[in-house]
N, C-alpha and C. Protein backbone atom coordinates (compact mmCIF):
# COMPACT_ATOMS: atom_id res chain seq x y z
N UNK A 1 0.83 -1.12 0.19
CA UNK A 1 -0.09 0.21 0.11
C UNK A 1 0.85 0.95 0.11
N UNK A 2 0.47 2.10 -0.77
CA UNK A 2 1.48 3.66 -0.60
C UNK A 2 1.34 4.25 0.78
N UNK A 3 2.31 5.32 0.72
CA UNK A 3 2.25 6.21 1.94
C UNK A 3 0.73 6.60 2.03
N UNK A 4 0.00 7.37 0.87
CA UNK A 4 -0.82 8.16 1.44
C UNK A 4 -2.04 6.78 2.02
N UNK A 5 -1.96 5.88 1.00
CA UNK A 5 -3.21 5.07 1.86
C UNK A 5 -3.03 4.18 3.28
N UNK A 6 -1.82 4.12 3.64
CA UNK A 6 -1.68 3.98 5.06
C UNK A 6 -1.72 4.67 6.30
N UNK A 7 -1.62 6.35 5.63
CA UNK A 7 -2.07 7.62 6.44
C UNK A 7 -3.44 7.21 6.65
N UNK A 8 -4.07 7.54 5.17
CA UNK A 8 -5.64 7.28 5.72
C UNK A 8 -5.87 6.46 6.19
N UNK A 9 -5.48 5.05 5.95
CA UNK A 9 -6.15 3.63 7.16
C UNK A 9 -5.59 4.11 8.47
N UNK A 10 -4.74 4.47 9.08
CA UNK A 10 -4.48 5.27 10.02
C UNK A 10 -5.38 6.08 10.57
N UNK A 11 -5.11 7.00 10.12
CA UNK A 11 -6.44 8.20 10.37
C UNK A 11 -7.96 7.89 10.29
N UNK A 12 -8.64 6.86 9.56
CA UNK A 12 -9.49 5.90 10.01
C UNK A 12 -9.92 5.55 11.26
N UNK A 13 -8.53 4.69 11.61
CA UNK A 13 -8.30 3.67 12.69
C UNK A 13 -8.04 4.77 14.22
N UNK A 14 -8.11 6.21 13.97
CA UNK A 14 -7.53 7.21 14.89
C UNK A 14 -6.27 6.61 15.94
N UNK A 15 -5.16 6.66 14.47
CA UNK A 15 -3.99 6.21 15.08
C UNK A 15 -3.35 7.07 14.53
N UNK A 16 -1.79 6.91 14.90
CA UNK A 16 -1.18 8.05 14.70
C UNK A 16 -0.27 7.89 12.96
N UNK A 17 0.04 8.95 12.15
CA UNK A 17 0.13 8.77 10.74
C UNK A 17 1.20 9.38 10.72
N UNK A 18 1.82 9.34 9.55
CA UNK A 18 2.66 10.75 8.72
C UNK A 18 2.52 10.69 7.27
N UNK A 19 2.49 11.99 6.96
CA UNK A 19 1.89 11.90 5.40
C UNK A 19 3.05 11.58 4.79
N UNK A 20 3.26 11.02 3.37
CA UNK A 20 4.31 11.02 2.42
C UNK A 20 4.65 12.11 1.89
N UNK A 21 6.16 11.98 2.00
CA UNK A 21 6.56 13.26 0.73
C UNK A 21 6.39 13.59 -0.12
N UNK A 22 6.14 14.53 -0.62
CA UNK A 22 6.04 15.20 -1.97
C UNK A 22 7.23 14.57 -2.75
N UNK A 23 6.76 14.73 -4.00
CA UNK A 23 7.87 14.25 -5.09
C UNK A 23 8.85 15.65 -5.61
N UNK A 24 9.88 15.33 -5.06
CA UNK A 24 10.68 16.70 -5.50
C UNK A 24 10.72 17.00 -7.17
N UNK A 25 10.89 15.75 -7.90
CA UNK A 25 10.80 15.64 -9.44
C UNK A 25 9.89 16.57 -9.93
N UNK A 26 8.71 15.97 -9.05
CA UNK A 26 7.35 16.64 -9.41
C UNK A 26 7.09 18.29 -9.51
N UNK A 27 8.05 18.66 -8.43
CA UNK A 27 7.65 20.10 -8.52
C UNK A 27 8.86 20.60 -9.26
N UNK A 28 9.73 20.11 -9.37
CA UNK A 28 11.14 20.98 -10.48
C UNK A 28 10.56 20.40 -12.12
N UNK A 29 9.93 19.23 -12.08
CA UNK A 29 9.28 19.77 -13.49
C UNK A 29 8.14 20.69 -13.74
N UNK A 30 7.12 20.46 -12.73
CA UNK A 30 6.18 22.29 -12.85
C UNK A 30 7.17 22.90 -12.81
N UNK A 31 8.14 23.44 -11.87
CA UNK A 31 8.90 24.55 -12.26
C UNK A 31 9.34 24.86 -13.64
N UNK A 32 9.99 23.85 -14.26
CA UNK A 32 11.02 24.17 -15.38
C UNK A 32 9.63 24.84 -16.23
N UNK A 33 8.30 23.68 -16.51
CA UNK A 33 7.35 23.62 -17.25
C UNK A 33 6.59 25.71 -17.00
N UNK A 34 7.00 25.64 -15.93
CA UNK A 34 6.61 27.50 -15.85
C UNK A 34 7.14 28.41 -16.06
N UNK A 35 8.60 28.04 -15.84
CA UNK A 35 9.54 29.06 -15.82
C UNK A 35 11.02 28.54 -16.45
N UNK A 36 11.62 28.06 -16.05
CA UNK A 36 12.67 27.17 -17.05
C UNK A 36 13.23 25.99 -16.15
N UNK A 37 14.59 26.00 -16.74
CA UNK A 37 15.05 24.40 -16.20
C UNK A 37 16.32 25.29 -15.50
N UNK A 38 16.58 26.19 -15.36
CA UNK A 38 17.58 26.68 -14.12
C UNK A 38 16.76 26.92 -12.80
N UNK A 39 15.72 27.75 -13.29
CA UNK A 39 14.80 27.45 -12.07
C UNK A 39 14.85 26.51 -11.26
N UNK A 40 14.55 25.45 -11.99
CA UNK A 40 14.17 24.22 -11.03
C UNK A 40 15.30 23.79 -10.39
N UNK A 41 16.29 24.02 -11.33
CA UNK A 41 17.45 23.52 -10.54
C UNK A 41 17.86 23.98 -9.13
N UNK A 42 17.51 25.59 -9.16
CA UNK A 42 18.01 26.42 -8.20
C UNK A 42 16.98 25.98 -7.44
N UNK A 43 15.61 25.96 -7.51
CA UNK A 43 14.51 25.63 -6.67
C UNK A 43 15.32 24.31 -5.93
N UNK A 44 15.64 23.75 -6.13
CA UNK A 44 15.99 22.09 -5.59
C UNK A 44 17.05 22.27 -4.61
N UNK A 45 18.02 23.08 -4.92
CA UNK A 45 19.11 23.17 -3.78
C UNK A 45 18.56 24.28 -3.21
N UNK A 46 17.62 24.92 -2.98
CA UNK A 46 17.00 25.65 -1.58
C UNK A 46 16.71 24.65 -0.94
N UNK A 47 15.53 24.01 -1.57
CA UNK A 47 14.59 23.30 -0.73
C UNK A 47 15.84 22.06 0.09
N UNK A 48 16.89 21.91 -0.80
CA UNK A 48 17.90 20.77 -0.02
C UNK A 48 18.92 21.09 0.99
N UNK A 49 19.31 22.40 0.50
CA UNK A 49 19.51 23.49 1.48
C UNK A 49 19.27 23.32 2.70
N UNK A 50 17.98 23.90 2.75
CA UNK A 50 17.09 24.43 3.87
C UNK A 50 16.56 22.85 4.62
N UNK A 51 17.06 21.99 4.30
CA UNK A 51 16.26 20.56 4.78
C UNK A 51 15.10 20.46 4.56
N UNK A 52 14.20 20.90 3.72
CA UNK A 52 12.74 20.83 3.62
C UNK A 52 12.43 19.18 3.88
N UNK A 53 11.66 19.17 4.53
CA UNK A 53 11.30 17.87 5.16
C UNK A 53 9.80 16.93 4.19
N UNK A 54 9.54 18.39 3.51
CA UNK A 54 8.28 18.05 2.98
C UNK A 54 8.49 17.35 1.98
N UNK A 55 9.69 17.27 1.16
CA UNK A 55 10.10 16.76 -0.44
C UNK A 55 10.78 15.42 -0.01
N UNK A 56 10.63 14.36 -1.04
CA UNK A 56 11.00 13.44 -1.03
C UNK A 56 12.13 13.72 -2.09
N UNK A 57 13.56 13.18 -1.53
CA UNK A 57 14.87 13.84 -1.99
C UNK A 57 15.84 12.76 -2.30
N UNK A 58 15.06 11.57 -2.55
CA UNK A 58 15.37 9.85 -2.71
C UNK A 58 16.12 10.13 -4.09
N UNK A 59 16.71 9.01 -3.81
CA UNK A 59 17.43 8.66 -5.57
C UNK A 59 16.83 8.47 -6.59
N UNK A 60 15.85 8.14 -6.43
CA UNK A 60 14.87 7.69 -7.76
C UNK A 60 14.50 9.09 -8.02
N UNK A 61 14.40 10.08 -7.28
CA UNK A 61 13.58 11.19 -7.73
C UNK A 61 14.00 12.06 -8.89
N UNK A 62 15.61 12.36 -8.61
CA UNK A 62 16.16 12.71 -9.88
C UNK A 62 16.90 11.70 -10.92
N UNK A 63 16.79 10.47 -10.84
CA UNK A 63 17.12 9.36 -11.80
C UNK A 63 15.49 9.39 -12.37
N UNK A 64 14.50 9.59 -11.89
CA UNK A 64 13.38 9.51 -12.99
C UNK A 64 13.23 10.78 -13.63
N UNK A 65 13.50 11.77 -12.86
CA UNK A 65 13.56 13.64 -13.55
C UNK A 65 14.59 13.42 -14.81
N UNK A 66 15.77 13.03 -14.61
CA UNK A 66 16.66 12.81 -15.50
C UNK A 66 16.55 11.89 -16.39
N UNK A 67 15.49 10.63 -16.57
CA UNK A 67 15.37 9.79 -17.52
C UNK A 67 14.18 10.46 -18.23
N UNK A 68 13.28 11.41 -17.59
CA UNK A 68 12.18 11.95 -18.54
C UNK A 68 12.77 12.93 -19.92
N UNK A 69 13.91 13.97 -18.99
CA UNK A 69 14.86 14.56 -19.99
C UNK A 69 15.39 14.08 -21.00
N UNK A 70 16.13 12.30 -20.61
CA UNK A 70 16.64 11.78 -21.74
C UNK A 70 15.97 11.20 -22.79
N UNK A 71 14.45 10.92 -22.29
CA UNK A 71 13.13 10.57 -23.00
C UNK A 71 12.71 11.12 -24.14
N UNK A 72 13.19 12.88 -23.81
CA UNK A 72 12.39 14.30 -24.86
C UNK A 72 13.78 14.69 -25.36
N UNK A 73 14.84 13.52 -25.60
CA UNK A 73 16.36 14.02 -26.01
C UNK A 73 16.95 15.23 -25.54
N UNK A 74 16.95 15.87 -24.24
CA UNK A 74 17.38 17.02 -23.84
C UNK A 74 18.28 16.58 -22.87
N UNK A 75 19.20 16.02 -23.70
CA UNK A 75 20.58 15.69 -23.18
C UNK A 75 21.21 16.76 -22.07
N UNK A 76 21.50 18.04 -22.25
CA UNK A 76 22.25 18.66 -21.08
C UNK A 76 21.22 18.66 -19.95
N UNK A 77 20.04 18.49 -19.95
CA UNK A 77 19.05 18.46 -18.78
C UNK A 77 19.23 17.62 -18.07
N UNK A 78 19.06 16.67 -19.12
CA UNK A 78 19.29 15.43 -18.52
C UNK A 78 20.44 14.91 -17.53
N UNK A 79 21.71 15.34 -18.59
CA UNK A 79 23.31 15.19 -17.63
C UNK A 79 23.16 16.03 -16.39
N UNK A 80 22.91 16.92 -16.63
CA UNK A 80 22.60 17.96 -15.15
C UNK A 80 21.87 17.32 -13.91
N UNK A 81 20.70 16.46 -14.40
CA UNK A 81 20.01 15.93 -13.29
C UNK A 81 20.92 14.89 -12.77
N UNK A 82 21.29 14.00 -13.88
CA UNK A 82 21.75 12.63 -13.19
C UNK A 82 23.26 13.08 -12.49
N UNK A 83 24.22 13.67 -13.06
CA UNK A 83 25.34 14.14 -12.43
C UNK A 83 24.96 14.55 -11.29
N UNK A 84 23.82 15.59 -10.72
CA UNK A 84 23.13 15.74 -9.47
C UNK A 84 23.34 14.75 -8.33
N UNK A 85 22.43 13.66 -9.17
CA UNK A 85 22.23 12.24 -8.27
C UNK A 85 23.95 11.88 -8.17
N UNK A 86 24.04 11.62 -9.01
CA UNK A 86 25.65 11.20 -8.62
C UNK A 86 26.54 11.69 -7.91
N UNK A 87 25.95 13.08 -7.38
CA UNK A 87 27.05 13.70 -6.49
C UNK A 87 26.31 13.75 -5.42
N UNK A 88 25.36 12.94 -4.79
CA UNK A 88 24.16 13.15 -4.02
C UNK A 88 24.32 11.56 -3.54
N UNK A 89 24.36 10.56 -4.37
CA UNK A 89 24.50 8.67 -3.83
C UNK A 89 25.91 8.73 -4.61
N UNK A 90 27.05 8.82 -4.28
CA UNK A 90 28.29 8.58 -4.50
C UNK A 90 28.48 7.19 -4.59
N UNK A 91 27.59 6.50 -3.74
CA UNK A 91 28.15 4.81 -3.60
C UNK A 91 26.81 3.78 -4.29
N UNK A 92 25.93 4.45 -5.02
CA UNK A 92 25.40 4.02 -5.76
C UNK A 92 25.72 3.59 -7.48
N UNK A 93 25.62 2.09 -7.49
CA UNK A 93 25.87 1.81 -9.05
C UNK A 93 25.01 2.61 -10.09
N UNK A 94 24.06 2.40 -9.76
CA UNK A 94 22.81 2.92 -10.69
C UNK A 94 22.65 4.34 -11.20
N UNK A 95 23.19 5.16 -10.28
CA UNK A 95 23.31 6.74 -10.68
C UNK A 95 24.10 7.14 -11.62
N UNK A 96 25.66 6.14 -11.54
CA UNK A 96 26.82 6.36 -12.68
C UNK A 96 26.26 5.34 -13.87
N UNK A 97 25.38 4.47 -13.62
CA UNK A 97 24.80 3.57 -14.60
C UNK A 97 23.84 4.58 -15.78
N UNK A 98 22.81 5.46 -14.83
CA UNK A 98 22.30 6.30 -15.69
C UNK A 98 23.10 7.52 -16.36
N UNK A 99 23.85 8.30 -15.56
CA UNK A 99 24.76 9.04 -16.17
C UNK A 99 25.64 8.71 -17.31
N UNK A 100 26.08 7.55 -17.37
CA UNK A 100 26.94 6.73 -18.82
C UNK A 100 26.00 6.75 -19.58
N UNK A 101 24.50 6.62 -19.31
CA UNK A 101 23.64 6.73 -20.71
C UNK A 101 23.43 7.84 -21.16
N UNK A 102 23.68 8.74 -20.43
CA UNK A 102 23.00 10.06 -20.53
C UNK A 102 23.91 10.57 -21.58
N UNK A 103 25.46 10.04 -21.14
CA UNK A 103 26.48 10.84 -21.60
C UNK A 103 26.52 10.60 -23.24
N UNK A 104 26.37 8.98 -22.87
CA UNK A 104 26.40 8.07 -24.47
C UNK A 104 25.24 9.02 -25.53
N UNK A 105 24.15 8.41 -25.12
CA UNK A 105 23.40 9.27 -25.95
C UNK A 105 23.40 10.81 -26.14
N UNK A 106 24.47 11.53 -25.71
CA UNK A 106 24.74 12.67 -26.31
C UNK A 106 25.50 12.68 -26.93
N UNK A 107 26.33 11.53 -26.98
CA UNK A 107 27.41 11.67 -27.80
C UNK A 107 29.17 11.71 -27.06
N UNK A 108 29.07 11.70 -25.97
CA UNK A 108 30.13 11.95 -25.36
C UNK A 108 30.41 10.58 -25.05
N UNK A 109 31.45 9.65 -25.21
CA UNK A 109 31.79 8.23 -25.17
C UNK A 109 32.46 8.39 -23.66
N UNK A 110 33.82 9.07 -23.97
CA UNK A 110 34.57 8.83 -23.07
C UNK A 110 34.06 9.06 -21.78
N UNK A 111 33.05 10.13 -21.52
CA UNK A 111 32.58 10.55 -20.00
C UNK A 111 31.45 9.16 -20.05
N UNK A 112 30.82 8.74 -20.92
CA UNK A 112 30.43 7.43 -20.74
C UNK A 112 30.64 6.27 -20.28
N UNK A 113 31.78 6.15 -21.22
CA UNK A 113 32.86 4.97 -20.54
C UNK A 113 33.17 4.85 -18.91
N UNK A 114 33.52 6.01 -18.56
CA UNK A 114 34.17 6.28 -17.06
C UNK A 114 32.93 6.34 -16.14
N UNK A 115 31.69 6.60 -16.56
CA UNK A 115 30.44 6.25 -15.57
C UNK A 115 29.86 4.86 -15.92
N UNK A 116 30.14 4.05 -16.48
CA UNK A 116 29.87 2.75 -17.00
C UNK A 116 30.67 1.92 -15.83
N UNK A 117 32.02 2.81 -16.18
CA UNK A 117 33.38 1.87 -15.34
C UNK A 117 33.02 1.85 -14.05
N UNK A 118 32.44 3.13 -13.33
CA UNK A 118 32.34 3.64 -12.34
C UNK A 118 31.36 2.38 -11.46
N UNK A 119 30.21 2.68 -12.51
CA UNK A 119 28.86 1.84 -12.13
C UNK A 119 29.51 0.41 -12.06
N UNK A 120 30.11 0.04 -13.03
CA UNK A 120 30.76 -1.34 -12.39
C UNK A 120 31.61 -1.53 -11.55
N UNK A 121 32.31 -0.82 -10.88
CA UNK A 121 33.38 -0.88 -9.87
C UNK A 121 32.09 -1.08 -8.68
N UNK A 122 31.29 -0.24 -8.47
CA UNK A 122 30.33 -0.77 -7.66
C UNK A 122 29.34 -1.77 -7.31
N UNK A 123 28.87 -2.04 -8.46
CA UNK A 123 28.40 -3.57 -8.61
C UNK A 123 29.27 -4.02 -10.11
N UNK A 124 30.02 -4.84 -9.34
CA UNK A 124 30.44 -5.78 -10.67
C UNK A 124 29.18 -6.78 -11.12
N UNK A 125 28.21 -6.81 -10.84
CA UNK A 125 27.10 -7.73 -11.45
C UNK A 125 26.37 -6.75 -12.50
N UNK A 126 26.64 -5.55 -12.57
CA UNK A 126 25.71 -4.67 -13.46
C UNK A 126 26.09 -5.26 -14.64
N UNK A 127 25.24 -5.92 -15.21
CA UNK A 127 25.28 -6.49 -16.84
C UNK A 127 25.22 -5.50 -17.89
N UNK A 128 24.35 -4.32 -17.61
CA UNK A 128 23.76 -3.28 -18.16
C UNK A 128 25.12 -2.48 -18.38
N UNK A 129 25.80 -2.19 -17.38
CA UNK A 129 27.30 -1.57 -17.35
C UNK A 129 28.27 -2.47 -18.89
N UNK A 130 28.42 -3.60 -18.28
CA UNK A 130 28.91 -4.48 -19.34
C UNK A 130 28.90 -4.57 -21.03
N UNK A 131 27.50 -4.38 -20.95
CA UNK A 131 26.98 -4.79 -22.47
C UNK A 131 27.67 -3.37 -23.19
N UNK A 132 27.02 -2.03 -22.26
CA UNK A 132 27.15 -0.45 -22.95
C UNK A 132 28.71 -0.53 -22.87
N UNK A 133 29.75 -1.28 -22.16
CA UNK A 133 30.83 -0.70 -22.32
C UNK A 133 31.44 -1.72 -23.61
N UNK A 134 30.81 -2.77 -23.95
CA UNK A 134 30.98 -3.37 -24.73
C UNK A 134 30.53 -3.01 -26.03
N UNK A 135 29.42 -2.20 -26.17
CA UNK A 135 28.83 -1.47 -27.34
C UNK A 135 30.03 -0.07 -27.53
N UNK A 136 30.22 0.19 -26.80
CA UNK A 136 31.47 1.70 -26.61
C UNK A 136 32.53 0.71 -27.42
N UNK A 137 32.99 0.04 -27.01
CA UNK A 137 34.30 -0.60 -27.89
C UNK A 137 35.13 -0.56 -26.36
N UNK A 138 35.09 -0.73 -25.54
CA UNK A 138 35.70 -0.36 -24.29
C UNK A 138 36.16 -1.31 -23.33
N UNK A 139 36.85 -1.84 -23.03
CA UNK A 139 37.08 -2.88 -21.56
C UNK A 139 36.42 -2.33 -20.58
N UNK A 140 36.25 -3.36 -19.47
CA UNK A 140 35.85 -3.11 -18.18
C UNK A 140 36.56 -2.60 -17.35
């Protein structure tokens, strides 16, 4: 059950509850649409610096938003978001895998290789990184 579902059940049973955090990715995307990309990034940094507990700052948030921009072929924006994610979650293989994909799709194979290797270093079982490195003609 979702966080909001659990909160509703707790409310109905007069038990303590915690509301789920809002998606920082959704907030950033709305800001991007209403204003521009740099305003969305700036808003993220302000909320993060202020330690705003209203928003979810988990790894998946920037990752999903980065992939949204990647899917729209907005490579520079996707790279900024996925790079921010890698700076926040330095021990996650997944963030470097995503950043490698963004660099590869943008045509920067050297940085793609570097990030796929970092991903593989953190998770030697990352099959995607192995396959992408082969596709890029690079060794592990």
